[in-house]
Amino acid sequence: MSIIKHYLSWAEIEELVARLAHQMQGCHFDALLAVTRGGLVPAGLIAYHLGLRNILAAAVQFYSGVGQRTAAPTFLQFPADPFLSNKTILIVDDIWDSGKTISAVRTRVLAAGGQPVTAVLHYKPRASLFDAQPDYYVESTDAWIVYPWEPASEREDATQAHA
C-alpha cells in the first residue's frame, strides 16, 4: 500500500484558512492557543481573519529521543493557568492525525479551568485514536499532507514527483 502525499501551495493554505475562519465567524474566543510547530502558521492566519490578538503557544512532544515515542506528552511550553481559567480558548493545529497532541492540549486547558475549542485544517478520522473530532475542520483526508512550511527536503520530494 503506497502512501498518498498531498502537497499544498500557499494559495491553497490561504483558501483553507479562509474556509476555517468562516466557520467560526461570530464565535467569541478569549485567546488563541497555537500548537507548535505545525499550528503556528494556520494560527497566525486565523488570528488575522478573526481579529484575535491574544495568541498563546503550546509546545508538546511525544518522543524522548530519535524514534522513541512516549505514552504521555511532554509540555515544553504551555500558558499558565490564569491565562486559560474561565476563558474560551481556540486551540489551532494544522492536522488532527492520531489526535494525541491536540487532545493533550485540550485536556490541559480543561484542567486549567478553560473552555477549549479545537480547530484544524485537516482531520484524519481513520487515523484518530479518539471518538471525539475537532470542533472545526476544513477537510477530511487519508492522505499524507505536506504543508508549504515544512522542511525543504519534503518540498523537494514534491518537485521530483511532479517533474
Protein backbone atom coordinates (compact mmCIF):
# COMPACT_ATOMS: atom_id res chain seq x y z
CA MET A 1 0.00 0.00 0.00
CA SER A 2 1.55 3.27 -1.08
CA ILE A 3 1.19 6.48 0.84
CA ILE A 4 -0.66 9.21 -0.99
CA LYS A 5 1.04 12.56 -0.40
CA HIS A 6 -0.85 15.78 -0.98
CA TYR A 7 1.42 18.80 -1.38
CA LEU A 8 -0.25 22.11 -0.60
CA SER A 9 0.62 25.52 -2.01
CA TRP A 10 0.45 28.78 -0.10
CA ALA A 11 -2.61 29.74 -2.14
CA GLU A 12 -4.35 26.52 -1.03
CA ILE A 13 -3.42 27.26 2.59
CA GLU A 14 -4.92 30.74 2.33
CA GLU A 15 -8.14 29.25 0.94
CA LEU A 16 -8.32 26.54 3.65
CA VAL A 17 -7.72 29.10 6.41
CA ALA A 18 -10.41 31.39 5.00
CA ARG A 19 -12.87 28.49 4.95
CA LEU A 20 -11.96 27.51 8.52
CA ALA A 21 -12.23 31.07 9.80
CA HIS A 22 -15.59 31.48 8.05
CA GLN A 23 -16.96 28.56 10.11
CA MET A 24 -16.03 30.44 13.29
CA GLN A 25 -17.36 33.89 12.35
CA GLY A 26 -19.43 35.27 15.20
CA CYS A 27 -17.86 32.97 17.81
CA HIS A 28 -16.14 34.55 20.81
CA PHE A 29 -12.67 33.41 21.81
CA ASP A 30 -10.67 34.98 24.64
CA ALA A 31 -7.40 33.65 23.27
CA LEU A 32 -5.94 31.53 20.51
CA LEU A 33 -3.58 28.73 21.52
CA ALA A 34 -1.25 27.67 18.69
CA VAL A 35 0.12 24.13 18.85
CA THR A 36 3.75 24.14 17.76
CA ARG A 37 5.14 23.62 15.30
CA GLY A 38 2.58 22.82 12.64
CA GLY A 39 -0.15 25.00 14.09
CA LEU A 40 1.86 28.23 14.17
CA VAL A 41 1.20 29.33 10.59
CA PRO A 42 -2.51 28.46 10.47
CA ALA A 43 -2.98 30.03 13.93
CA GLY A 44 -1.42 33.31 12.83
CA LEU A 45 -3.55 33.44 9.69
CA ILE A 46 -6.73 32.55 11.58
CA ALA A 47 -5.94 35.24 14.16
CA TYR A 48 -5.94 37.82 11.36
CA HIS A 49 -9.25 36.55 9.96
CA LEU A 50 -10.95 36.56 13.37
CA GLY A 51 -9.32 39.73 14.70
CA LEU A 52 -7.66 37.89 17.60
CA ARG A 53 -4.57 39.42 19.18
CA ASN A 54 -4.22 37.30 22.32
CA ILE A 55 -2.11 34.44 20.91
CA LEU A 56 -0.53 31.81 23.15
CA ALA A 57 1.66 28.80 22.31
CA ALA A 58 1.72 25.16 23.41
CA ALA A 59 4.84 23.14 22.63
CA VAL A 60 4.16 19.43 23.03
CA GLN A 61 6.22 16.37 22.16
CA PHE A 62 5.54 12.65 22.30
CA TYR A 63 9.12 11.42 21.96
CA SER A 64 12.16 11.28 24.20
CA GLY A 65 14.82 10.73 21.56
CA VAL A 66 15.24 9.74 17.95
CA GLY A 67 12.30 7.48 17.14
CA GLN A 68 11.43 6.88 20.81
CA ARG A 69 7.72 7.65 21.29
CA THR A 70 6.35 8.17 24.78
CA ALA A 71 2.86 7.35 26.05
CA ALA A 72 2.42 10.68 27.84
CA PRO A 73 3.17 14.08 26.35
CA THR A 74 5.93 16.37 27.50
CA PHE A 75 4.84 20.01 27.56
CA LEU A 76 7.91 22.06 26.68
CA GLN A 77 5.91 25.30 26.86
CA PHE A 78 2.36 25.96 27.98
CA PRO A 79 0.48 29.05 29.20
CA ALA A 80 -0.02 29.44 32.93
CA ASP A 81 -3.48 28.62 34.28
CA PRO A 82 -4.53 32.29 34.81
CA PHE A 83 -4.29 32.83 31.02
CA LEU A 84 -6.78 29.97 30.48
CA SER A 85 -9.07 29.87 33.50
CA ASN A 86 -12.67 30.92 32.79
CA LYS A 87 -11.76 31.70 29.19
CA THR A 88 -12.79 30.27 25.83
CA ILE A 89 -9.59 29.10 24.17
CA LEU A 90 -9.36 28.38 20.43
CA ILE A 91 -6.73 25.64 20.01
CA VAL A 92 -5.29 25.59 16.48
CA ASP A 93 -3.12 22.93 14.83
CA ASP A 94 -2.54 22.07 11.19
CA ILE A 95 -3.80 18.48 11.28
CA TRP A 96 -5.63 16.03 13.55
CA ASP A 97 -3.94 12.74 12.68
CA SER A 98 -3.96 10.45 15.72
CA GLY A 99 -5.38 13.34 17.72
CA LYS A 100 -2.94 12.76 20.59
CA THR A 101 -1.32 16.17 20.53
CA ILE A 102 -4.41 18.39 20.29
CA SER A 103 -6.27 16.15 22.76
CA ALA A 104 -3.44 16.53 25.27
CA VAL A 105 -3.57 20.31 24.85
CA ARG A 106 -7.37 20.27 25.16
CA THR A 107 -7.16 18.23 28.38
CA ARG A 108 -4.63 20.63 29.84
CA VAL A 109 -6.85 23.66 29.01
CA LEU A 110 -9.78 21.92 30.71
CA ALA A 111 -7.63 21.19 33.78
CA ALA A 112 -6.77 24.90 33.97
CA GLY A 113 -10.48 25.77 34.02
CA GLY A 114 -10.71 26.93 30.42
CA GLN A 115 -13.23 26.08 27.72
CA PRO A 116 -11.28 24.55 24.79
CA VAL A 117 -12.45 24.73 21.18
CA THR A 118 -10.35 22.81 18.63
CA ALA A 119 -9.71 23.77 15.01
CA VAL A 120 -7.53 22.16 12.34
CA LEU A 121 -7.16 22.41 8.59
CA HIS A 122 -7.21 18.64 8.07
CA TYR A 123 -8.83 15.81 10.01
CA LYS A 124 -7.94 12.14 9.56
CA PRO A 125 -10.90 10.25 11.07
CA ARG A 126 -9.46 6.81 10.21
CA ALA A 127 -6.15 7.60 11.91
CA SER A 128 -7.70 9.20 15.00
CA LEU A 129 -7.34 7.36 18.30
CA PHE A 130 -10.32 9.26 19.74
CA ASP A 131 -14.07 9.14 19.34
CA ALA A 132 -14.06 12.93 19.54
CA GLN A 133 -13.31 15.00 16.47
CA PRO A 134 -12.19 18.61 16.02
CA ASP A 135 -14.83 21.23 16.72
CA TYR A 136 -13.88 22.87 13.41
CA TYR A 137 -12.01 21.47 10.41
CA VAL A 138 -11.98 22.09 6.68
CA GLU A 139 -11.15 18.78 5.04
CA SER A 140 -11.25 15.12 5.98
CA THR A 141 -8.47 13.04 4.41
CA ASP A 142 -6.41 9.87 4.49
CA ALA A 143 -3.51 11.44 2.57
CA TRP A 144 -0.13 12.42 3.96
CA ILE A 145 -0.40 16.21 3.93
CA VAL A 146 2.75 18.19 3.14
CA TYR A 147 2.37 21.82 4.13
CA PRO A 148 4.41 24.58 2.46
CA TRP A 149 6.12 25.48 5.77
CA GLU A 150 7.60 22.00 6.17
CA PRO A 151 11.33 21.38 5.59
CA ALA A 152 12.76 21.79 2.10
CA SER A 153 13.51 18.06 1.82
CA GLU A 154 9.77 17.32 1.89
CA ARG A 155 9.09 20.07 -0.63
CA GLU A 156 11.87 18.76 -2.91
CA ASP A 157 10.12 15.39 -2.96
CA ALA A 158 7.10 17.23 -4.36
CA THR A 159 9.14 18.81 -7.13
CA GLN A 160 10.59 15.44 -8.16
CA ALA A 161 7.19 13.76 -8.02
CA HIS A 162 5.62 16.37 -10.32
CA ALA A 163 8.55 16.58 -12.79
